[in-house]
Amino acid sequence: MSAPTTEHRAEHASDAPRERTHRWADPMATAQGAIALSGLGALRAVRDGDLPAPPIATLVGFDLTVVEDGHVEFTLTPQEYHYNPIGSVHGGVYATLLDSAAGCAVHSTLPAGVGYTSQDLTVKFLRRLTVDSGPVRCIGRVMHRGRTTALAEAQLLDSDGRLLAYATSSCLVLA
């Protein structure tokens, strides 16, 4: 994809600087509140607002909307502040959504007191995303969960169901 033309930039440019304020809850409150819950219970508590969302979710602006055993979904509406220098959503935003969905899918399968950490994330970018794209959905699924490692996949889809990006992740289960 090519960068916006000078005419396009001039037509949409504004001399007024943009500003965004970010507020978040103490992430340790969520961690402490979740410690006695299964991964599924903790994620449902975040989804339902019983535990605060993690700061990364409020910073980027995504919401946890579906939580099932081995399956989660996040939603995001692309914003101008997600943009890279060529006028589309930065790949890091894609990767953050994909990593969150894959990791939380794994988390949803864990018992209370057991955590995880991502070991790797492999991302394939397929389509450009802009503010004109509208809301997107990121679906994470567990492909395999063993005692010490798990494999998950995540798909980022536009509102028409077209695949924007795909990722796989290996997670280390921390008992």
N, C-alpha and C. Protein backbone atom coordinates (compact mmCIF):
# COMPACT_ATOMS: atom_id res chain seq x y z
N MET A 1 0.83 -1.18 0.00
CA MET A 1 0.00 0.00 0.00
C MET A 1 0.89 1.25 0.00
N SER A 2 0.51 2.21 -0.75
CA SER A 2 1.29 3.43 -0.81
C SER A 2 0.84 4.41 0.27
N ALA A 3 1.70 5.34 0.58
CA ALA A 3 1.41 6.36 1.58
C ALA A 3 0.39 7.35 1.01
N PRO A 4 -0.37 8.03 1.89
CA PRO A 4 -1.31 9.04 1.41
C PRO A 4 -0.59 10.11 0.59
N THR A 5 -1.25 10.61 -0.42
CA THR A 5 -0.67 11.65 -1.26
C THR A 5 -0.63 12.97 -0.52
N THR A 6 0.15 13.92 -1.04
CA THR A 6 0.22 15.25 -0.44
C THR A 6 -1.15 15.90 -0.46
N GLU A 7 -1.90 15.74 -1.56
CA GLU A 7 -3.25 16.30 -1.63
C GLU A 7 -4.14 15.72 -0.55
N HIS A 8 -4.07 14.40 -0.35
CA HIS A 8 -4.87 13.74 0.67
C HIS A 8 -4.51 14.27 2.05
N ARG A 9 -3.23 14.39 2.34
CA ARG A 9 -2.80 14.88 3.65
C ARG A 9 -3.27 16.30 3.86
N ALA A 10 -3.13 17.15 2.86
CA ALA A 10 -3.53 18.55 2.99
C ALA A 10 -5.04 18.65 3.19
N GLU A 11 -5.77 17.82 2.51
CA GLU A 11 -7.23 17.84 2.60
C GLU A 11 -7.70 17.45 4.00
N HIS A 12 -6.99 16.52 4.65
CA HIS A 12 -7.41 16.00 5.95
C HIS A 12 -6.56 16.52 7.11
N ALA A 13 -5.55 17.28 6.81
CA ALA A 13 -4.65 17.75 7.86
C ALA A 13 -5.30 18.86 8.67
N SER A 14 -4.94 18.93 9.92
CA SER A 14 -5.40 19.99 10.79
C SER A 14 -4.19 20.50 11.55
N ASP A 15 -4.13 21.80 11.71
CA ASP A 15 -3.03 22.38 12.46
C ASP A 15 -3.18 22.14 13.96
N ALA A 16 -4.37 21.78 14.38
CA ALA A 16 -4.61 21.54 15.80
C ALA A 16 -3.99 20.20 16.21
N PRO A 17 -3.15 20.22 17.23
CA PRO A 17 -2.59 18.95 17.70
C PRO A 17 -3.68 18.09 18.35
N ARG A 18 -3.52 16.79 18.23
CA ARG A 18 -4.45 15.88 18.86
C ARG A 18 -3.96 15.55 20.26
N GLU A 19 -4.88 15.17 21.10
CA GLU A 19 -4.52 14.83 22.47
C GLU A 19 -5.38 13.66 22.93
N ARG A 20 -4.79 12.81 23.72
CA ARG A 20 -5.51 11.68 24.28
C ARG A 20 -5.09 11.49 25.72
N THR A 21 -6.04 11.32 26.60
CA THR A 21 -5.77 11.08 28.01
C THR A 21 -6.02 9.61 28.29
N HIS A 22 -5.14 9.03 29.08
CA HIS A 22 -5.26 7.60 29.40
C HIS A 22 -5.33 7.41 30.90
N ARG A 23 -6.33 6.67 31.35
CA ARG A 23 -6.46 6.32 32.76
C ARG A 23 -6.54 4.80 32.86
N TRP A 24 -5.99 4.28 33.91
CA TRP A 24 -6.04 2.84 34.13
C TRP A 24 -6.09 2.55 35.61
N ALA A 25 -6.54 1.35 35.94
CA ALA A 25 -6.60 0.89 37.32
C ALA A 25 -5.27 0.23 37.68
N ASP A 26 -5.02 0.13 38.95
CA ASP A 26 -3.81 -0.53 39.45
C ASP A 26 -3.80 -1.98 38.95
N PRO A 27 -2.82 -2.36 38.13
CA PRO A 27 -2.81 -3.73 37.60
C PRO A 27 -2.65 -4.79 38.69
N MET A 28 -2.07 -4.41 39.81
CA MET A 28 -1.91 -5.39 40.89
C MET A 28 -3.26 -5.72 41.54
N ALA A 29 -4.22 -4.81 41.47
CA ALA A 29 -5.57 -5.11 41.99
C ALA A 29 -6.19 -6.25 41.18
N THR A 30 -6.00 -6.21 39.87
CA THR A 30 -6.51 -7.29 39.02
C THR A 30 -5.77 -8.59 39.33
N ALA A 31 -4.45 -8.52 39.43
CA ALA A 31 -3.65 -9.73 39.71
C ALA A 31 -4.04 -10.34 41.05
N GLN A 32 -4.19 -9.50 42.06
CA GLN A 32 -4.56 -10.02 43.39
C GLN A 32 -5.98 -10.55 43.42
N GLY A 33 -6.89 -9.88 42.71
CA GLY A 33 -8.27 -10.35 42.65
C GLY A 33 -8.42 -11.64 41.89
N ALA A 34 -7.51 -11.89 40.96
CA ALA A 34 -7.61 -13.07 40.10
C ALA A 34 -6.90 -14.29 40.66
N ILE A 35 -6.06 -14.10 41.66
CA ILE A 35 -5.20 -15.19 42.11
C ILE A 35 -5.98 -16.42 42.59
N ALA A 36 -7.15 -16.24 43.18
CA ALA A 36 -7.93 -17.37 43.67
C ALA A 36 -8.89 -17.92 42.63
N LEU A 37 -8.93 -17.27 41.47
CA LEU A 37 -9.86 -17.69 40.41
C LEU A 37 -9.14 -18.53 39.35
N SER A 38 -9.89 -19.39 38.70
CA SER A 38 -9.34 -20.08 37.53
C SER A 38 -9.09 -19.02 36.46
N GLY A 39 -8.34 -19.37 35.43
CA GLY A 39 -8.13 -18.43 34.33
C GLY A 39 -9.44 -18.02 33.69
N LEU A 40 -10.34 -18.98 33.52
CA LEU A 40 -11.65 -18.70 32.95
C LEU A 40 -12.42 -17.73 33.84
N GLY A 41 -12.40 -17.96 35.13
CA GLY A 41 -13.09 -17.08 36.08
C GLY A 41 -12.50 -15.68 36.10
N ALA A 42 -11.17 -15.59 36.07
CA ALA A 42 -10.51 -14.28 36.10
C ALA A 42 -10.83 -13.48 34.84
N LEU A 43 -10.77 -14.13 33.68
CA LEU A 43 -11.07 -13.43 32.43
C LEU A 43 -12.53 -13.00 32.36
N ARG A 44 -13.42 -13.84 32.85
CA ARG A 44 -14.84 -13.45 32.88
C ARG A 44 -15.05 -12.26 33.83
N ALA A 45 -14.31 -12.23 34.94
CA ALA A 45 -14.42 -11.11 35.87
C ALA A 45 -13.94 -9.81 35.21
N VAL A 46 -12.90 -9.89 34.41
CA VAL A 46 -12.43 -8.70 33.67
C VAL A 46 -13.48 -8.30 32.63
N ARG A 47 -13.95 -9.27 31.86
CA ARG A 47 -14.96 -8.98 30.83
C ARG A 47 -16.20 -8.32 31.44
N ASP A 48 -16.63 -8.81 32.61
CA ASP A 48 -17.85 -8.33 33.24
C ASP A 48 -17.64 -7.06 34.07
N GLY A 49 -16.39 -6.60 34.19
CA GLY A 49 -16.11 -5.39 34.96
C GLY A 49 -15.96 -5.61 36.45
N ASP A 50 -15.94 -6.87 36.89
CA ASP A 50 -15.74 -7.16 38.31
C ASP A 50 -14.27 -7.01 38.71
N LEU A 51 -13.38 -7.14 37.76
CA LEU A 51 -11.96 -6.84 37.93
C LEU A 51 -11.58 -5.83 36.86
N PRO A 52 -10.67 -4.91 37.17
CA PRO A 52 -10.28 -3.91 36.17
C PRO A 52 -9.54 -4.55 34.99
N ALA A 53 -9.76 -3.99 33.81
CA ALA A 53 -9.02 -4.41 32.62
C ALA A 53 -7.55 -4.07 32.81
N PRO A 54 -6.65 -4.84 32.21
CA PRO A 54 -5.23 -4.53 32.32
C PRO A 54 -4.90 -3.22 31.59
N PRO A 55 -3.87 -2.52 32.03
CA PRO A 55 -3.51 -1.25 31.40
C PRO A 55 -3.28 -1.33 29.89
N ILE A 56 -2.77 -2.44 29.38
CA ILE A 56 -2.54 -2.54 27.94
C ILE A 56 -3.87 -2.45 27.19
N ALA A 57 -4.93 -3.01 27.73
CA ALA A 57 -6.24 -2.96 27.07
C ALA A 57 -6.78 -1.54 27.03
N THR A 58 -6.63 -0.82 28.13
CA THR A 58 -7.13 0.56 28.14
C THR A 58 -6.24 1.48 27.32
N LEU A 59 -4.94 1.21 27.30
CA LEU A 59 -4.03 2.04 26.50
C LEU A 59 -4.31 1.90 25.01
N VAL A 60 -4.41 0.67 24.54
CA VAL A 60 -4.64 0.42 23.11
C VAL A 60 -6.10 0.64 22.76
N GLY A 61 -7.01 0.33 23.69
CA GLY A 61 -8.42 0.56 23.46
C GLY A 61 -9.19 -0.65 23.01
N PHE A 62 -8.80 -1.84 23.47
CA PHE A 62 -9.55 -3.04 23.09
C PHE A 62 -10.31 -3.60 24.28
N ASP A 63 -11.39 -4.34 23.97
CA ASP A 63 -12.26 -4.91 24.99
C ASP A 63 -12.35 -6.41 24.84
N LEU A 64 -12.36 -7.09 25.97
CA LEU A 64 -12.59 -8.53 26.02
C LEU A 64 -14.10 -8.74 25.96
N THR A 65 -14.58 -9.45 24.97
CA THR A 65 -16.03 -9.59 24.77
C THR A 65 -16.55 -11.02 24.91
N VAL A 66 -15.73 -12.01 24.61
CA VAL A 66 -16.14 -13.41 24.69
C VAL A 66 -15.07 -14.18 25.46
N VAL A 67 -15.52 -14.99 26.43
CA VAL A 67 -14.59 -15.83 27.20
C VAL A 67 -15.22 -17.20 27.38
N GLU A 68 -14.59 -18.20 26.79
CA GLU A 68 -15.00 -19.59 26.94
C GLU A 68 -13.73 -20.39 27.21
N ASP A 69 -13.88 -21.64 27.57
CA ASP A 69 -12.73 -22.49 27.81
C ASP A 69 -11.95 -22.67 26.50
N GLY A 70 -10.73 -22.13 26.44
CA GLY A 70 -9.89 -22.26 25.26
C GLY A 70 -10.23 -21.32 24.12
N HIS A 71 -11.10 -20.34 24.36
CA HIS A 71 -11.55 -19.43 23.29
C HIS A 71 -11.86 -18.05 23.89
N VAL A 72 -11.27 -17.01 23.30
CA VAL A 72 -11.58 -15.63 23.71
C VAL A 72 -11.73 -14.76 22.47
N GLU A 73 -12.40 -13.63 22.65
CA GLU A 73 -12.51 -12.65 21.58
C GLU A 73 -12.36 -11.25 22.15
N PHE A 74 -11.64 -10.43 21.41
CA PHE A 74 -11.47 -9.02 21.73
C PHE A 74 -12.03 -8.20 20.58
N THR A 75 -12.44 -6.97 20.87
CA THR A 75 -12.86 -6.04 19.82
C THR A 75 -12.04 -4.76 19.95
N LEU A 76 -11.86 -4.11 18.82
CA LEU A 76 -11.14 -2.83 18.76
C LEU A 76 -11.72 -2.03 17.60
N THR A 77 -11.90 -0.75 17.82
CA THR A 77 -12.23 0.16 16.73
C THR A 77 -10.99 0.98 16.44
N PRO A 78 -10.38 0.82 15.26
CA PRO A 78 -9.14 1.53 14.94
C PRO A 78 -9.32 3.05 15.08
N GLN A 79 -8.31 3.67 15.63
CA GLN A 79 -8.30 5.12 15.85
C GLN A 79 -7.05 5.72 15.20
N GLU A 80 -7.09 7.00 15.01
CA GLU A 80 -5.95 7.72 14.43
C GLU A 80 -4.68 7.53 15.25
N TYR A 81 -4.81 7.43 16.57
CA TYR A 81 -3.63 7.28 17.42
C TYR A 81 -2.99 5.90 17.30
N HIS A 82 -3.60 4.99 16.57
CA HIS A 82 -2.99 3.68 16.29
C HIS A 82 -2.09 3.71 15.06
N TYR A 83 -2.06 4.83 14.35
CA TYR A 83 -1.40 4.91 13.05
C TYR A 83 0.12 4.90 13.11
N ASN A 84 0.69 4.34 12.04
CA ASN A 84 2.12 4.42 11.78
C ASN A 84 2.35 5.62 10.84
N PRO A 85 3.58 5.89 10.42
CA PRO A 85 3.85 7.05 9.57
C PRO A 85 3.26 6.98 8.16
N ILE A 86 2.78 5.81 7.72
CA ILE A 86 2.25 5.73 6.36
C ILE A 86 0.72 5.74 6.33
N GLY A 87 0.09 6.09 7.46
CA GLY A 87 -1.35 6.30 7.46
C GLY A 87 -2.21 5.07 7.62
N SER A 88 -1.71 4.07 8.32
CA SER A 88 -2.53 2.90 8.64
C SER A 88 -2.15 2.41 10.03
N VAL A 89 -2.95 1.49 10.55
CA VAL A 89 -2.71 0.98 11.90
C VAL A 89 -1.35 0.27 11.96
N HIS A 90 -0.59 0.61 12.97
CA HIS A 90 0.75 0.06 13.18
C HIS A 90 0.69 -1.44 13.44
N GLY A 91 1.65 -2.17 12.92
CA GLY A 91 1.71 -3.62 13.11
C GLY A 91 1.79 -4.02 14.57
N GLY A 92 2.33 -3.15 15.41
CA GLY A 92 2.40 -3.44 16.84
C GLY A 92 1.02 -3.54 17.48
N VAL A 93 0.06 -2.79 16.94
CA VAL A 93 -1.32 -2.88 17.44
C VAL A 93 -1.89 -4.24 17.06
N TYR A 94 -1.69 -4.65 15.81
CA TYR A 94 -2.10 -5.99 15.38
C TYR A 94 -1.48 -7.04 16.32
N ALA A 95 -0.17 -6.95 16.51
CA ALA A 95 0.55 -7.95 17.30
C ALA A 95 0.07 -7.97 18.75
N THR A 96 -0.22 -6.80 19.31
CA THR A 96 -0.72 -6.73 20.68
C THR A 96 -2.06 -7.45 20.80
N LEU A 97 -2.96 -7.21 19.86
CA LEU A 97 -4.26 -7.90 19.87
C LEU A 97 -4.09 -9.41 19.71
N LEU A 98 -3.27 -9.80 18.76
CA LEU A 98 -3.06 -11.23 18.50
C LEU A 98 -2.41 -11.93 19.68
N ASP A 99 -1.40 -11.31 20.28
CA ASP A 99 -0.73 -11.88 21.44
C ASP A 99 -1.69 -11.98 22.62
N SER A 100 -2.51 -10.95 22.83
CA SER A 100 -3.48 -10.96 23.92
C SER A 100 -4.51 -12.07 23.73
N ALA A 101 -5.02 -12.20 22.50
CA ALA A 101 -6.03 -13.23 22.24
C ALA A 101 -5.47 -14.63 22.41
N ALA A 102 -4.29 -14.88 21.86
CA ALA A 102 -3.68 -16.21 21.99
C ALA A 102 -3.37 -16.52 23.45
N GLY A 103 -2.76 -15.57 24.13
CA GLY A 103 -2.40 -15.79 25.54
C GLY A 103 -3.61 -15.96 26.44
N CYS A 104 -4.63 -15.13 26.25
CA CYS A 104 -5.82 -15.25 27.08
C CYS A 104 -6.59 -16.53 26.79
N ALA A 105 -6.54 -17.02 25.55
CA ALA A 105 -7.16 -18.31 25.26
C ALA A 105 -6.49 -19.40 26.10
N VAL A 106 -5.17 -19.35 26.19
CA VAL A 106 -4.44 -20.30 27.04
C VAL A 106 -4.82 -20.08 28.50
N HIS A 107 -4.83 -18.83 28.93
CA HIS A 107 -5.16 -18.51 30.32
C HIS A 107 -6.52 -19.08 30.71
N SER A 108 -7.47 -19.05 29.77
CA SER A 108 -8.83 -19.53 30.06
C SER A 108 -8.87 -21.02 30.39
N THR A 109 -7.82 -21.75 30.11
CA THR A 109 -7.79 -23.19 30.38
C THR A 109 -7.07 -23.54 31.68
N LEU A 110 -6.53 -22.54 32.36
CA LEU A 110 -5.68 -22.82 33.53
C LEU A 110 -6.45 -22.78 34.84
N PRO A 111 -6.06 -23.65 35.79
CA PRO A 111 -6.69 -23.62 37.11
C PRO A 111 -6.16 -22.44 37.94
N ALA A 112 -6.82 -22.17 39.04
CA ALA A 112 -6.38 -21.12 39.95
C ALA A 112 -4.93 -21.36 40.37
N GLY A 113 -4.17 -20.28 40.47
CA GLY A 113 -2.79 -20.36 40.93
C GLY A 113 -1.78 -20.75 39.87
N VAL A 114 -2.24 -20.98 38.63
CA VAL A 114 -1.33 -21.35 37.54
C VAL A 114 -1.34 -20.22 36.53
N GLY A 115 -0.15 -19.81 36.13
CA GLY A 115 -0.02 -18.72 35.16
C GLY A 115 0.61 -19.21 33.87
N TYR A 116 0.94 -18.25 33.02
CA TYR A 116 1.57 -18.57 31.74
C TYR A 116 2.39 -17.37 31.30
N THR A 117 3.26 -17.59 30.34
CA THR A 117 3.94 -16.50 29.67
C THR A 117 4.15 -16.90 28.22
N SER A 118 4.09 -15.92 27.34
CA SER A 118 4.31 -16.20 25.92
C SER A 118 5.78 -16.55 25.70
N GLN A 119 6.02 -17.57 24.92
CA GLN A 119 7.39 -17.92 24.53
C GLN A 119 7.73 -17.33 23.17
N ASP A 120 6.74 -17.28 22.29
CA ASP A 120 6.97 -16.70 20.97
C ASP A 120 5.64 -16.27 20.38
N LEU A 121 5.73 -15.47 19.36
CA LEU A 121 4.56 -15.02 18.61
C LEU A 121 4.99 -14.87 17.16
N THR A 122 4.32 -15.58 16.27
CA THR A 122 4.59 -15.47 14.84
C THR A 122 3.37 -14.84 14.19
N VAL A 123 3.57 -13.69 13.54
CA VAL A 123 2.47 -12.93 12.98
C VAL A 123 2.60 -12.84 11.47
N LYS A 124 1.48 -13.01 10.79
CA LYS A 124 1.38 -12.80 9.35
C LYS A 124 0.37 -11.69 9.11
N PHE A 125 0.83 -10.59 8.52
CA PHE A 125 -0.03 -9.45 8.20
C PHE A 125 -0.57 -9.64 6.79
N LEU A 126 -1.89 -9.53 6.62
CA LEU A 126 -2.49 -9.79 5.32
C LEU A 126 -3.16 -8.58 4.68
N ARG A 127 -3.77 -7.72 5.50
CA ARG A 127 -4.49 -6.56 4.97
C ARG A 127 -4.24 -5.33 5.82
N ARG A 128 -4.36 -4.20 5.18
CA ARG A 128 -4.21 -2.89 5.81
C ARG A 128 -5.45 -2.58 6.65
N LEU A 129 -5.25 -1.84 7.73
CA LEU A 129 -6.32 -1.46 8.63
C LEU A 129 -6.24 0.04 8.86
N THR A 130 -7.39 0.74 8.72
CA THR A 130 -7.44 2.19 8.95
C THR A 130 -8.68 2.51 9.77
N VAL A 131 -8.86 3.79 10.11
CA VAL A 131 -10.06 4.20 10.84
C VAL A 131 -11.31 3.94 10.01
N ASP A 132 -11.18 3.94 8.70
CA ASP A 132 -12.32 3.68 7.82
C ASP A 132 -12.71 2.20 7.79
N SER A 133 -11.86 1.33 8.33
CA SER A 133 -12.14 -0.11 8.33
C SER A 133 -13.27 -0.49 9.27
N GLY A 134 -13.49 0.32 10.30
CA GLY A 134 -14.51 -0.01 11.29
C GLY A 134 -14.00 -1.00 12.31
N PRO A 135 -14.88 -1.43 13.21
CA PRO A 135 -14.48 -2.34 14.30
C PRO A 135 -13.90 -3.65 13.77
N VAL A 136 -12.94 -4.17 14.52
CA VAL A 136 -12.34 -5.47 14.21
C VAL A 136 -12.52 -6.39 15.40
N ARG A 137 -12.39 -7.69 15.11
CA ARG A 137 -12.54 -8.72 16.14
C ARG A 137 -11.30 -9.60 16.09
N CYS A 138 -10.78 -9.92 17.25
CA CYS A 138 -9.61 -10.79 17.35
C CYS A 138 -10.01 -12.02 18.15
N ILE A 139 -9.88 -13.18 17.52
CA ILE A 139 -10.30 -14.44 18.11
C ILE A 139 -9.07 -15.28 18.45
N GLY A 140 -9.00 -15.72 19.69
CA GLY A 140 -7.91 -16.60 20.12
C GLY A 140 -8.44 -17.97 20.47
N ARG A 141 -7.71 -19.01 20.06
CA ARG A 141 -8.10 -20.39 20.32
C ARG A 141 -6.88 -21.21 20.74
N VAL A 142 -7.09 -22.09 21.69
CA VAL A 142 -6.04 -23.03 22.10
C VAL A 142 -6.06 -24.19 21.12
N MET A 143 -4.91 -24.50 20.58
CA MET A 143 -4.77 -25.64 19.67
C MET A 143 -4.32 -26.89 20.43
N HIS A 144 -3.48 -26.69 21.46
CA HIS A 144 -2.98 -27.79 22.28
C HIS A 144 -2.55 -27.21 23.62
N ARG A 145 -2.91 -27.91 24.71
CA ARG A 145 -2.40 -27.51 26.01
C ARG A 145 -1.91 -28.73 26.74
N GLY A 146 -0.61 -28.69 27.04
CA GLY A 146 -0.01 -29.75 27.83
C GLY A 146 0.26 -29.27 29.24
N ARG A 147 1.02 -30.05 29.99
CA ARG A 147 1.34 -29.66 31.37
C ARG A 147 2.26 -28.45 31.44
N THR A 148 3.19 -28.34 30.47
CA THR A 148 4.19 -27.26 30.56
C THR A 148 4.15 -26.27 29.40
N THR A 149 3.53 -26.64 28.30
CA THR A 149 3.45 -25.72 27.16
C THR A 149 2.06 -25.78 26.53
N ALA A 150 1.74 -24.71 25.84
CA ALA A 150 0.47 -24.64 25.12
C ALA A 150 0.73 -23.96 23.78
N LEU A 151 -0.08 -24.32 22.81
CA LEU A 151 -0.01 -23.71 21.48
C LEU A 151 -1.38 -23.08 21.20
N ALA A 152 -1.36 -21.82 20.79
CA ALA A 152 -2.61 -21.12 20.49
C ALA A 152 -2.47 -20.40 19.16
N GLU A 153 -3.62 -20.09 18.56
CA GLU A 153 -3.66 -19.29 17.35
C GLU A 153 -4.60 -18.11 17.58
N ALA A 154 -4.41 -17.08 16.78
CA ALA A 154 -5.30 -15.92 16.85
C ALA A 154 -5.51 -15.38 15.44
N GLN A 155 -6.73 -14.91 15.21
CA GLN A 155 -7.09 -14.32 13.92
C GLN A 155 -7.66 -12.94 14.16
N LEU A 156 -7.22 -11.98 13.36
CA LEU A 156 -7.77 -10.63 13.39
C LEU A 156 -8.65 -10.48 12.16
N LEU A 157 -9.94 -10.18 12.38
CA LEU A 157 -10.93 -10.13 11.31
C LEU A 157 -11.59 -8.76 11.23
N ASP A 158 -11.89 -8.33 10.01
CA ASP A 158 -12.64 -7.08 9.86
C ASP A 158 -14.12 -7.36 10.04
N SER A 159 -14.96 -6.33 9.93
CA SER A 159 -16.39 -6.49 10.17
C SER A 159 -17.08 -7.37 9.14
N ASP A 160 -16.43 -7.59 7.99
CA ASP A 160 -16.98 -8.50 6.98
C ASP A 160 -16.44 -9.92 7.12
N GLY A 161 -15.64 -10.16 8.15
CA GLY A 161 -15.09 -11.49 8.39
C GLY A 161 -13.82 -11.79 7.61
N ARG A 162 -13.27 -10.79 6.91
CA ARG A 162 -12.02 -11.01 6.16
C ARG A 162 -10.84 -11.04 7.12
N LEU A 163 -9.94 -11.95 6.86
CA LEU A 163 -8.75 -12.12 7.68
C LEU A 163 -7.77 -10.98 7.41
N LEU A 164 -7.41 -10.24 8.47
CA LEU A 164 -6.45 -9.14 8.39
C LEU A 164 -5.05 -9.58 8.79
N ALA A 165 -5.00 -10.48 9.79
CA ALA A 165 -3.71 -10.98 10.28
C ALA A 165 -3.96 -12.29 11.02
N TYR A 166 -2.90 -13.09 11.10
CA TYR A 166 -2.98 -14.40 11.73
C TYR A 166 -1.71 -14.60 12.56
N ALA A 167 -1.85 -15.25 13.71
CA ALA A 167 -0.68 -15.50 14.55
C ALA A 167 -0.77 -16.85 15.23
N THR A 168 0.39 -17.40 15.53
CA THR A 168 0.50 -18.55 16.42
C THR A 168 1.40 -18.16 17.58
N SER A 169 1.16 -18.78 18.72
CA SER A 169 1.94 -18.48 19.90
C SER A 169 2.15 -19.74 20.71
N SER A 170 3.36 -19.89 21.21
CA SER A 170 3.66 -20.94 22.18
C SER A 170 3.72 -20.27 23.53
N CYS A 171 3.11 -20.90 24.53
CA CYS A 171 3.10 -20.34 25.88
C CYS A 171 3.69 -21.37 26.84
N LEU A 172 4.42 -20.88 27.80
CA LEU A 172 4.96 -21.70 28.88
C LEU A 172 3.97 -21.65 30.03
N VAL A 173 3.51 -22.81 30.49
CA VAL A 173 2.58 -22.89 31.63
C VAL A 173 3.41 -22.87 32.89
N LEU A 174 3.08 -21.94 33.80
CA LEU A 174 3.85 -21.71 35.02
C LEU A 174 3.05 -22.22 36.22
N ALA A 175 3.32 -23.44 36.65
CA ALA A 175 2.59 -24.04 37.77
C ALA A 175 3.20 -23.63 39.11
